């Protein structure tokens, strides 16, 4: 409902205007009236209005002062001027106050009908924009304290999609196998095909990594779960990778988007199985009550110990046979991604404790985070894990290549760079490139690329302080302004809008 306030000192005109507005379009409600500008301001202090219809000449406070005050204090309220005078100064004042229209009395139904259509379009567009911004702010944890408005009570559905395994690595930015899928598939487009007019609002956001997408929508029906399961099946059919999805089977309000997204992500992280698709539907209440514990999978300790001893003992034949049996077990027992990762991190910890160069073995830790995060199947992961069966890694052969990787990052930072990009350019799997890069530069390719982009962004903001955050983000290679703002705040300790150079 679009709430209207009419400020008019002539009762017959006020009554006729109110009657015409509500007769022409029932989506408009004249929620209050006032006989002068001062009375109108008092009502604006205590109630929310989308549109103000105001006369120019009124006692106590005229329409000119009222418009100036409303533009300053209530910029979201659209202004329409009603006047019996076709005076240039009045028209100019209305333009300065950014009035939607200047209507001459007496109003005709045809004129008012055209105006209400324009106001409704503006209202819908503004509501959609504010909804998008409010949700993005909560997903990216960048919103300040906000005063409550009607958006806070809007009921929304939330779905978290993850293409492939859940990234557990700091190099999540380079997971091209997943981000490429989301560049080809539009969740919004598919959702509209399925839901049609049953979803007046639907928007897609990037999650914590490029592998993840969050769909937030406003369903007109109270049980949106069926539509979302259809969407999941459509995405799954179009994707070359397994698709994992955690979806609310009911709705939630805007302020809860942030914590609900976190818990949906943890739900997926605990249940994803490498190489398989997963769909979970859960209510807000059940998700809020769910207890997540850091399961240490104590029963797997002996398995990790035995595997580590085979590697340390330099027994590649038995090590290979044990590894193959282990992956067969993963498949047969449906081990989760988290459990597989925990096992291999235990193996690496044991190797560190027995190695003469624990710092060298420590590099395996991030490598395996990446391997488990990137693998689209257990077979693919097993091929990567084979390198652990050797007592050392031939680092020297990669030194020259890694220098070229560094040069590539510096010269192509504005482009969309992923692990697959580097793999195609330099001939190593992404996790191995990251391993070698850390050996040479002490940080991951993602961290290095982020540092380059942020330095370029700060230089841009110093040299051209009038640039919008969106423009800066685009020029230095970030996917969108929200992602840029989140990374900038995390690394620099302040938002881009607060950066003074």
Protein backbone atom coordinates (compact mmCIF):
# COMPACT_ATOMS: atom_id res chain seq x y z
CA UNK A 1 0.00 0.00 0.00
CA UNK A 2 1.32 3.45 -0.99
CA UNK A 3 0.65 5.90 1.84
CA UNK A 4 -0.34 9.46 0.87
CA UNK A 5 -0.41 12.69 2.89
CA UNK A 6 -2.41 15.64 1.50
CA UNK A 7 -1.67 19.19 2.68
CA UNK A 8 -4.49 21.47 1.46
CA UNK A 9 -6.27 24.34 3.22
CA UNK A 10 -9.49 24.18 1.16
CA UNK A 11 -11.64 21.31 2.51
CA UNK A 12 -13.70 20.73 -0.67
CA UNK A 13 -10.53 20.38 -2.77
CA UNK A 14 -8.91 18.17 -0.13
CA UNK A 15 -11.93 15.84 -0.02
CA UNK A 16 -12.16 15.63 -3.82
CA UNK A 17 -8.43 14.92 -4.18
CA UNK A 18 -8.62 12.16 -1.58
CA UNK A 19 -11.67 10.60 -3.21
CA UNK A 20 -10.12 10.69 -6.70
CA UNK A 21 -6.82 9.13 -5.59
CA UNK A 22 -8.44 6.19 -3.82
CA UNK A 23 -11.00 5.71 -6.62
CA UNK A 24 -8.44 5.64 -9.45
CA UNK A 25 -5.96 3.23 -7.82
CA UNK A 26 -6.75 1.17 -4.70
CA UNK A 27 -3.00 0.65 -4.12
CA UNK A 28 -2.93 4.27 -2.90
CA UNK A 29 -4.22 5.09 0.56
CA UNK A 30 -4.66 8.66 1.78
CA UNK A 31 -3.46 7.92 5.30
CA UNK A 32 -3.59 11.51 6.61
CA UNK A 33 -4.51 15.09 5.70
CA UNK A 34 -3.37 18.49 6.93
CA UNK A 35 -4.69 22.05 6.61
CA UNK A 36 -1.24 23.69 6.45
CA UNK A 37 2.45 22.91 6.16
CA UNK A 38 3.15 22.89 9.89
CA UNK A 39 0.45 20.33 10.55
CA UNK A 40 1.79 18.21 7.69
CA UNK A 41 5.29 18.23 9.23
CA UNK A 42 3.94 17.12 12.58
CA UNK A 43 2.33 14.11 10.91
CA UNK A 44 5.55 13.32 9.03
CA UNK A 45 7.41 13.19 12.34
CA UNK A 46 5.26 10.34 13.63
CA UNK A 47 4.13 8.48 10.50
CA UNK A 48 5.73 7.24 7.29
CA UNK A 49 4.40 8.55 3.96
CA UNK A 50 5.43 7.65 0.43
CA UNK A 51 3.83 10.65 -1.29
CA UNK A 52 3.02 14.21 -0.25
CA UNK A 53 0.41 16.19 -2.21
CA UNK A 54 0.78 19.83 -1.17
CA UNK A 55 -0.84 23.13 -2.04
CA UNK A 56 1.45 26.13 -2.53
CA UNK A 57 -0.49 28.87 -0.70
CA UNK A 58 -1.50 27.80 2.80
CA UNK A 59 -1.67 29.56 6.18
CA UNK A 60 0.94 29.13 9.01
CA UNK A 61 3.45 27.40 6.73
CA UNK A 62 3.09 27.51 2.96
CA UNK A 63 3.88 24.73 0.50
CA UNK A 64 7.26 26.21 -0.50
CA UNK A 65 8.70 25.91 3.03
CA UNK A 66 7.05 22.53 3.45
CA UNK A 67 8.67 21.19 0.27
CA UNK A 68 12.14 22.42 1.27
CA UNK A 69 11.83 20.78 4.69
CA UNK A 70 10.49 17.49 3.31
CA UNK A 71 13.27 17.30 0.72
CA UNK A 72 15.87 17.69 3.50
CA UNK A 73 14.35 15.53 6.25
CA UNK A 74 12.30 12.98 4.29
CA UNK A 75 14.02 12.50 0.92
CA UNK A 76 12.21 9.19 0.25
CA UNK A 77 8.85 10.96 0.22
CA UNK A 78 7.77 11.92 -3.32
CA UNK A 79 6.33 15.43 -3.65
CA UNK A 80 3.42 16.48 -5.89
CA UNK A 81 2.45 20.15 -6.04
CA UNK A 82 -1.20 21.24 -6.28
CA UNK A 83 -1.65 24.86 -7.25
CA UNK A 84 -4.17 27.24 -8.69
CA UNK A 85 -1.35 29.43 -10.02
CA UNK A 86 0.71 28.83 -13.13
CA UNK A 87 3.52 30.94 -11.70
CA UNK A 88 7.11 30.48 -12.91
CA UNK A 89 8.58 31.04 -9.44
CA UNK A 90 6.33 28.39 -7.98
CA UNK A 91 7.23 25.93 -10.73
CA UNK A 92 10.94 26.68 -10.21
CA UNK A 93 10.58 26.01 -6.47
CA UNK A 94 8.88 22.71 -7.21
CA UNK A 95 11.74 21.71 -9.53
CA UNK A 96 14.33 22.59 -6.87
CA UNK A 97 12.43 20.42 -4.38
CA UNK A 98 12.52 17.59 -6.96
CA UNK A 99 8.75 17.39 -7.12
CA UNK A 100 7.38 14.60 -9.30
CA UNK A 101 4.81 16.90 -10.89
CA UNK A 102 3.15 20.34 -10.70
CA UNK A 103 -0.61 20.01 -11.15
CA UNK A 104 -3.05 22.84 -11.67
CA UNK A 105 -6.39 22.91 -9.90
CA UNK A 106 -9.01 21.72 -10.46
CA UNK A 107 -7.60 18.19 -10.97
CA UNK A 108 -9.02 16.02 -13.72
CA UNK A 109 -9.32 12.26 -13.37
CA UNK A 110 -7.24 11.70 -16.53
CA UNK A 111 -4.39 13.88 -15.27
CA UNK A 112 -4.37 12.25 -11.87
CA UNK A 113 -4.49 8.74 -13.36
CA UNK A 114 -1.30 9.40 -15.36
CA UNK A 115 0.39 10.83 -12.28
CA UNK A 116 -0.53 7.89 -10.04
CA UNK A 117 0.86 5.46 -12.63
CA UNK A 118 4.16 7.39 -12.60
CA UNK A 119 4.22 7.50 -8.79
CA UNK A 120 3.58 3.76 -8.52
CA UNK A 121 6.44 2.97 -10.91
CA UNK A 122 8.74 5.19 -8.86
CA UNK A 123 7.54 3.61 -5.61
CA UNK A 124 8.17 0.06 -6.85
CA UNK A 125 11.60 0.93 -8.25
CA UNK A 126 12.63 2.68 -5.03
CA UNK A 127 11.36 -0.19 -2.89
CA UNK A 128 13.25 -2.74 -4.98
CA UNK A 129 16.46 -0.70 -4.81
CA UNK A 130 16.23 -0.21 -1.06
CA UNK A 131 15.49 -3.90 -0.57
CA UNK A 132 18.52 -4.88 -2.65
CA UNK A 133 20.80 -2.53 -0.75
CA UNK A 134 19.50 -3.59 2.65
CA UNK A 135 19.94 -7.30 1.90
CA UNK A 136 23.38 -6.83 0.33
CA UNK A 137 24.51 -4.87 3.38
CA UNK A 138 23.48 -7.68 5.71
CA UNK A 139 25.03 -10.42 3.59
CA UNK A 140 28.30 -8.46 3.43
CA UNK A 141 28.19 -7.44 7.12
CA UNK A 142 28.60 -3.77 6.23
CA UNK A 143 25.40 -2.15 7.49
CA UNK A 144 25.35 0.48 10.24
CA UNK A 145 22.50 0.75 12.72
CA UNK A 146 19.41 1.67 10.75
CA UNK A 147 16.09 3.07 11.86
CA UNK A 148 13.21 0.71 11.34
CA UNK A 149 11.03 1.12 8.28
CA UNK A 150 8.42 -0.96 6.52
CA UNK A 151 11.08 -3.02 4.74
CA UNK A 152 12.08 -4.57 8.06
CA UNK A 153 8.84 -6.55 8.17
CA UNK A 154 8.90 -7.86 4.57
CA UNK A 155 8.85 -11.66 4.52
CA UNK A 156 11.58 -13.14 2.33
CA UNK A 157 12.72 -16.59 1.25
CA UNK A 158 16.44 -17.46 1.20
CA UNK A 159 18.36 -20.14 -0.69
CA UNK A 160 22.12 -20.72 -0.59
CA UNK A 161 23.61 -22.49 -3.61
CA UNK A 162 27.15 -23.88 -3.83
CA UNK A 163 28.60 -25.22 -7.09
CA UNK A 164 30.82 -28.15 -6.22
CA UNK A 165 32.44 -28.57 -2.82
CA UNK A 166 32.33 -25.84 -0.17
CA UNK A 167 35.53 -23.73 -0.34
CA UNK A 168 37.56 -24.01 2.88
CA UNK A 169 40.65 -22.32 1.48
CA UNK A 170 41.95 -18.75 1.61
CA UNK A 171 42.29 -19.04 -2.16
CA UNK A 172 38.55 -19.35 -2.65
CA UNK A 173 38.63 -16.39 -5.05
CA UNK A 174 40.41 -18.53 -7.65
CA UNK A 175 37.86 -21.34 -7.84
CA UNK A 176 36.94 -20.88 -11.48
CA UNK A 177 35.23 -24.23 -11.86
CA UNK A 178 32.40 -22.84 -9.73
CA UNK A 179 32.40 -19.13 -10.58
CA UNK A 180 32.24 -19.91 -14.31
CA UNK A 181 28.97 -21.76 -13.76
CA UNK A 182 27.36 -18.75 -12.09
CA UNK A 183 28.48 -16.52 -14.95
CA UNK A 184 26.53 -18.75 -17.34
CA UNK A 185 23.47 -19.38 -15.15
CA UNK A 186 21.13 -16.68 -13.93
CA UNK A 187 19.34 -17.76 -10.76
CA UNK A 188 17.07 -14.73 -11.07
CA UNK A 189 16.13 -15.60 -14.64
CA UNK A 190 15.42 -19.24 -13.80
CA UNK A 191 13.45 -18.27 -10.68
CA UNK A 192 11.24 -15.90 -12.67
CA UNK A 193 10.59 -18.61 -15.25
CA UNK A 194 9.39 -20.91 -12.47
CA UNK A 195 7.68 -18.43 -10.15
CA UNK A 196 6.48 -15.77 -12.55
CA UNK A 197 4.28 -13.19 -10.84
CA UNK A 198 4.36 -15.18 -7.60
CA UNK A 199 7.70 -13.52 -6.80
CA UNK A 200 7.40 -9.70 -6.89
CA UNK A 201 11.01 -9.44 -5.68
CA UNK A 202 13.92 -11.75 -6.50
CA UNK A 203 17.63 -10.95 -6.36
CA UNK A 204 20.90 -12.90 -6.56
CA UNK A 205 24.02 -12.14 -4.47
CA UNK A 206 27.50 -13.62 -4.32
CA UNK A 207 28.16 -15.57 -1.13
CA UNK A 208 31.39 -15.78 0.86
CA UNK A 209 33.24 -17.25 -2.14
CA UNK A 210 32.68 -17.28 -5.93
CA UNK A 211 31.40 -20.86 -5.62
CA UNK A 212 28.36 -19.62 -3.69
CA UNK A 213 25.26 -17.71 -4.68
CA UNK A 214 22.43 -16.51 -2.46
CA UNK A 215 18.93 -16.12 -3.86
CA UNK A 216 16.63 -13.85 -1.84
CA UNK A 217 13.03 -13.51 -2.97
CA UNK A 218 9.61 -12.34 -1.83
CA UNK A 219 6.99 -15.01 -2.44
CA UNK A 220 3.34 -14.13 -2.69
CA UNK A 221 2.41 -17.57 -1.40
CA UNK A 222 3.19 -18.73 2.12
CA UNK A 223 4.91 -22.03 1.16
CA UNK A 224 7.76 -21.25 -1.25
CA UNK A 225 9.63 -24.55 -0.77
CA UNK A 226 8.15 -26.25 -3.86
CA UNK A 227 9.27 -23.45 -6.18
CA UNK A 228 12.80 -23.53 -4.77
CA UNK A 229 13.09 -27.29 -5.17
CA UNK A 230 12.08 -26.88 -8.82
CA UNK A 231 14.73 -24.17 -9.19
CA UNK A 232 17.37 -26.44 -7.61
CA UNK A 233 16.49 -29.26 -10.02
CA UNK A 234 16.71 -26.86 -12.99
CA UNK A 235 20.14 -25.57 -11.91
CA UNK A 236 21.37 -29.10 -11.25
CA UNK A 237 20.34 -30.18 -14.74
CA UNK A 238 22.20 -27.24 -16.34
CA UNK A 239 25.41 -27.55 -14.30
CA UNK A 240 28.46 -29.68 -15.06
CA UNK A 241 29.30 -29.68 -11.34
CA UNK A 242 27.35 -31.08 -8.41
CA UNK A 243 24.99 -28.44 -7.01
CA UNK A 244 24.42 -28.12 -3.28
CA UNK A 245 21.55 -26.06 -1.90
CA UNK A 246 20.27 -25.14 1.56
CA UNK A 247 16.88 -23.42 1.43
CA UNK A 248 14.40 -22.04 3.94
CA UNK A 249 11.03 -23.77 3.62
CA UNK A 250 9.38 -20.70 5.13
CA UNK A 251 10.19 -16.99 5.20
CA UNK A 252 12.18 -14.55 7.35
CA UNK A 253 12.41 -10.78 7.82
CA UNK A 254 15.17 -8.58 6.36
CA UNK A 255 17.15 -8.04 9.62
CA UNK A 256 17.59 -11.83 9.98
CA UNK A 257 19.18 -12.34 6.54
CA UNK A 258 22.77 -12.10 7.86
CA UNK A 259 22.67 -14.77 10.57
CA UNK A 260 20.41 -17.05 8.54
CA UNK A 261 22.90 -17.00 5.67
CA UNK A 262 25.72 -17.95 8.08
CA UNK A 263 23.77 -20.90 9.46
CA UNK A 264 22.68 -22.12 6.03
CA UNK A 265 26.34 -22.04 5.00
CA UNK A 266 27.38 -24.04 8.07
CA UNK A 267 24.60 -26.54 7.37
CA UNK A 268 25.96 -27.12 3.86
CA UNK A 269 29.58 -27.22 5.05
CA UNK A 270 28.72 -30.04 7.47
CA UNK A 271 26.74 -32.13 4.97
CA UNK A 272 28.30 -31.73 1.52
CA UNK A 273 29.73 -34.93 0.03
CA UNK A 274 32.43 -34.49 -2.63
CA UNK A 275 31.12 -35.31 -6.09
CA UNK A 276 27.44 -35.45 -5.09
CA UNK A 277 24.58 -32.97 -5.12
CA UNK A 278 22.61 -32.07 -2.02
CA UNK A 279 19.31 -30.30 -1.34
CA UNK A 280 18.31 -29.35 2.21
CA UNK A 281 15.06 -27.58 3.11
CA UNK A 282 14.70 -26.29 6.66
CA UNK A 283 12.48 -23.92 8.63
CA UNK A 284 13.77 -20.76 10.28
CA UNK A 285 12.96 -22.17 13.72
CA UNK A 286 14.73 -25.48 13.08
CA UNK A 287 17.78 -23.69 11.71
CA UNK A 288 17.89 -21.37 14.71
CA UNK A 289 17.71 -24.32 17.11
CA UNK A 290 20.24 -26.47 15.27
CA UNK A 291 23.43 -27.08 17.26
CA UNK A 292 26.63 -27.13 15.23
CA UNK A 293 29.59 -28.82 16.91
CA UNK A 294 33.15 -29.15 15.63
CA UNK A 295 33.17 -32.92 15.24
CA UNK A 296 36.77 -34.03 15.47
CA UNK A 297 36.02 -37.50 13.99
CA UNK A 298 38.13 -39.16 16.69
CA UNK A 299 37.53 -42.60 15.20
CA UNK A 300 39.63 -41.63 12.16
CA UNK A 301 42.80 -40.92 14.16
CA UNK A 302 44.26 -44.40 13.68
CA UNK A 303 43.58 -44.24 9.94
CA UNK A 304 45.48 -40.94 9.68
CA UNK A 305 48.35 -42.30 11.79
CA UNK A 306 48.74 -45.41 9.61
CA UNK A 307 48.71 -43.40 6.37
CA UNK A 308 51.31 -40.94 7.71
CA UNK A 309 53.60 -43.81 8.77
CA UNK A 310 53.46 -45.30 5.27
CA UNK A 311 54.47 -41.94 3.77
CA UNK A 312 57.24 -41.33 6.31
CA UNK A 313 58.55 -44.86 5.80
CA UNK A 314 58.99 -44.28 2.09
CA UNK A 315 56.79 -47.20 1.08
CA UNK A 316 55.07 -45.89 -2.08
CA UNK A 317 53.57 -49.21 -3.11
CA UNK A 318 51.77 -49.87 0.15
CA UNK A 319 50.99 -46.17 0.49
CA UNK A 320 49.31 -46.18 -2.91
CA UNK A 321 47.27 -49.30 -2.09
CA UNK A 322 46.21 -47.85 1.26
CA UNK A 323 45.20 -44.57 -0.36
CA UNK A 324 43.11 -46.36 -2.98
CA UNK A 325 41.33 -48.40 -0.28
CA UNK A 326 40.79 -45.20 1.68
CA UNK A 327 39.07 -43.46 -1.23
CA UNK A 328 36.94 -46.54 -1.82
CA UNK A 329 35.88 -46.26 1.80
CA UNK A 330 35.05 -42.55 1.33
CA UNK A 331 32.69 -43.54 -1.48
CA UNK A 332 31.07 -46.51 0.20
CA UNK A 333 30.54 -44.79 3.57
CA UNK A 334 29.54 -41.39 2.07
CA UNK A 335 32.15 -39.40 3.97
CA UNK A 336 31.40 -35.70 4.08
CA UNK A 337 33.80 -33.14 2.68
CA UNK A 338 34.52 -31.90 6.20
CA UNK A 339 35.42 -35.39 7.42
CA UNK A 340 37.76 -36.03 4.46
CA UNK A 341 39.49 -32.69 5.04
CA UNK A 342 39.87 -33.38 8.77
CA UNK A 343 41.52 -36.73 8.05
CA UNK A 344 44.13 -35.30 5.70
CA UNK A 345 44.91 -32.37 7.97
CA UNK A 346 45.64 -34.94 10.68
CA UNK A 347 48.01 -36.73 8.32
CA UNK A 348 49.81 -33.45 7.61
CA UNK A 349 50.08 -32.67 11.33
CA UNK A 350 51.76 -36.05 11.88
CA UNK A 351 54.14 -35.43 8.97
CA UNK A 352 55.08 -32.05 10.45
CA UNK A 353 55.93 -33.65 13.79
CA UNK A 354 58.28 -36.17 12.16
CA UNK A 355 59.84 -34.01 9.44
CA UNK A 356 63.26 -32.40 9.63
CA UNK A 357 61.75 -29.46 7.75
CA UNK A 358 58.28 -28.96 9.29
CA UNK A 359 57.93 -25.55 7.64
CA UNK A 360 58.13 -27.25 4.25
CA UNK A 361 55.49 -29.83 5.17
CA UNK A 362 53.29 -27.08 6.62
CA UNK A 363 52.76 -25.78 3.06
CA UNK A 364 50.75 -28.93 2.41
CA UNK A 365 48.06 -27.69 4.78
CA UNK A 366 46.77 -24.91 2.52
CA UNK A 367 47.33 -27.11 -0.50
CA UNK A 368 44.92 -29.70 0.89
CA UNK A 369 42.39 -27.08 1.89
CA UNK A 370 42.39 -26.10 -1.77
CA UNK A 371 42.39 -29.65 -3.10
CA UNK A 372 39.34 -30.66 -1.04
CA UNK A 373 37.60 -27.38 -1.87
CA UNK A 374 38.21 -27.64 -5.61
CA UNK A 375 37.67 -31.32 -6.30
CA UNK A 376 34.48 -32.05 -8.21
CA UNK A 377 34.81 -35.80 -7.60
CA UNK A 378 36.64 -38.23 -5.32
CA UNK A 379 38.61 -39.51 -8.31
CA UNK A 380 39.88 -35.99 -9.01
CA UNK A 381 40.83 -35.54 -5.36
CA UNK A 382 42.68 -38.86 -5.29
CA UNK A 383 44.81 -37.80 -8.25
CA UNK A 384 45.82 -34.62 -6.38
CA UNK A 385 46.54 -36.54 -3.18
CA UNK A 386 49.00 -38.83 -4.94
CA UNK A 387 51.69 -36.16 -4.53
CA UNK A 388 51.56 -36.64 -0.76
CA UNK A 389 52.95 -40.15 -1.15
CA UNK A 390 56.37 -38.76 -2.11
CA UNK A 391 58.81 -37.62 0.53
CA UNK A 392 59.35 -34.21 -1.04
CA UNK A 393 58.06 -31.90 -3.77
CA UNK A 394 60.25 -30.69 -6.60
CA UNK A 395 59.99 -27.00 -5.84
CA UNK A 396 62.86 -25.77 -7.97
CA UNK A 397 61.17 -26.64 -11.25
CA UNK A 398 58.39 -24.23 -10.44
CA UNK A 399 60.43 -21.22 -9.40
CA UNK A 400 60.64 -19.69 -12.87
CA UNK A 401 56.98 -20.39 -13.51
CA UNK A 402 55.93 -18.74 -10.26
CA UNK A 403 57.82 -15.57 -11.18
CA UNK A 404 55.77 -15.52 -14.37
CA UNK A 405 52.58 -16.03 -12.34
CA UNK A 406 53.49 -12.98 -10.24
CA UNK A 407 54.11 -10.90 -13.37
CA UNK A 408 50.80 -12.08 -14.81
CA UNK A 409 48.88 -11.03 -11.69
CA UNK A 410 50.45 -7.57 -11.79
CA UNK A 411 49.70 -6.97 -15.45
CA UNK A 412 46.19 -8.50 -15.57
CA UNK A 413 44.74 -7.50 -12.17
CA UNK A 414 41.72 -5.78 -13.80
CA UNK A 415 40.64 -9.05 -15.43
CA UNK A 416 38.65 -12.00 -14.08
CA UNK A 417 41.47 -14.25 -12.83
CA UNK A 418 40.70 -17.69 -11.46
CA UNK A 419 42.64 -20.80 -10.54
CA UNK A 420 41.71 -22.29 -13.89
CA UNK A 421 43.04 -19.18 -15.63
CA UNK A 422 46.45 -19.70 -14.02
CA UNK A 423 46.29 -23.45 -14.63
CA UNK A 424 45.72 -22.96 -18.37
CA UNK A 425 48.43 -20.31 -18.58
CA UNK A 426 51.16 -22.16 -16.67
CA UNK A 427 50.36 -25.87 -16.84
CA UNK A 428 49.90 -26.79 -13.16
CA UNK A 429 46.75 -27.61 -11.22
CA UNK A 430 45.53 -24.53 -9.25
CA UNK A 431 46.34 -25.97 -5.82
CA UNK A 432 49.95 -26.70 -6.88
CA UNK A 433 50.39 -23.16 -8.25
CA UNK A 434 49.21 -21.79 -4.92
CA UNK A 435 51.59 -24.12 -3.08
CA UNK A 436 54.59 -22.92 -5.12
CA UNK A 437 53.47 -19.29 -4.89
CA UNK A 438 53.37 -19.46 -1.10
CA UNK A 439 56.86 -20.94 -1.10
CA UNK A 440 58.15 -18.01 -3.15
CA UNK A 441 56.10 -15.05 -1.82
CA UNK A 442 54.81 -16.09 1.59
CA UNK A 443 51.14 -15.62 0.65
CA UNK A 444 48.53 -17.08 -1.65
CA UNK A 445 47.93 -15.80 -5.19
CA UNK A 446 44.53 -14.54 -3.99
CA UNK A 447 46.05 -12.45 -1.18
CA UNK A 448 48.69 -11.12 -3.56
CA UNK A 449 46.10 -10.20 -6.19
CA UNK A 450 43.87 -8.59 -3.57
CA UNK A 451 46.76 -6.46 -2.33
CA UNK A 452 47.49 -5.27 -5.87
CA UNK A 453 43.83 -4.37 -6.46
CA UNK A 454 43.44 -2.55 -3.16
CA UNK A 455 46.62 -0.51 -3.73
CA UNK A 456 45.34 0.46 -7.17
CA UNK A 457 41.92 1.30 -5.67
CA UNK A 458 43.45 3.59 -3.03
CA UNK A 459 45.52 5.34 -5.70
CA UNK A 460 42.36 5.86 -7.76
CA UNK A 461 40.42 7.28 -4.82
CA UNK A 462 43.29 9.66 -3.97
CA UNK A 463 43.62 10.94 -7.53
CA UNK A 464 39.87 11.15 -8.21
CA UNK A 465 37.84 11.47 -4.99
CA UNK A 466 34.58 11.99 -6.93
CA UNK A 467 34.60 8.42 -8.29
CA UNK A 468 31.76 6.25 -7.03
CA UNK A 469 32.63 3.10 -5.08
CA UNK A 470 31.06 1.07 -7.88
CA UNK A 471 33.33 2.71 -10.47
CA UNK A 472 36.46 2.10 -8.39
CA UNK A 473 35.53 -1.55 -7.88
CA UNK A 474 34.99 -2.10 -11.60
CA UNK A 475 38.27 -0.43 -12.60
CA UNK A 476 40.44 -2.57 -10.33
CA UNK A 477 38.88 -5.94 -11.07
CA UNK A 478 36.36 -6.63 -8.28
CA UNK A 479 33.10 -8.34 -9.18
CA UNK A 480 30.85 -5.72 -7.59
CA UNK A 481 30.93 -2.83 -5.13
CA UNK A 482 29.67 -4.91 -2.20
CA UNK A 483 32.44 -7.47 -2.58
CA UNK A 484 34.99 -4.66 -2.94
CA UNK A 485 33.68 -2.89 0.17
CA UNK A 486 33.76 -6.08 2.23
CA UNK A 487 37.36 -6.91 1.22
CA UNK A 488 38.49 -3.29 1.70
CA UNK A 489 37.04 -3.20 5.22
CA UNK A 490 38.58 -6.56 6.12
CA UNK A 491 42.08 -5.62 4.91
CA UNK A 492 42.22 -1.85 5.52
CA UNK A 493 40.00 -1.64 8.60
CA UNK A 494 37.55 0.92 7.17
CA UNK A 495 34.96 1.21 4.42
CA UNK A 496 35.96 2.72 1.06
CA UNK A 497 33.55 5.60 1.69
CA UNK A 498 35.58 6.49 4.81
CA UNK A 499 38.95 6.38 3.05
CA UNK A 500 40.49 9.85 2.86
CA UNK A 501 43.79 9.02 1.18
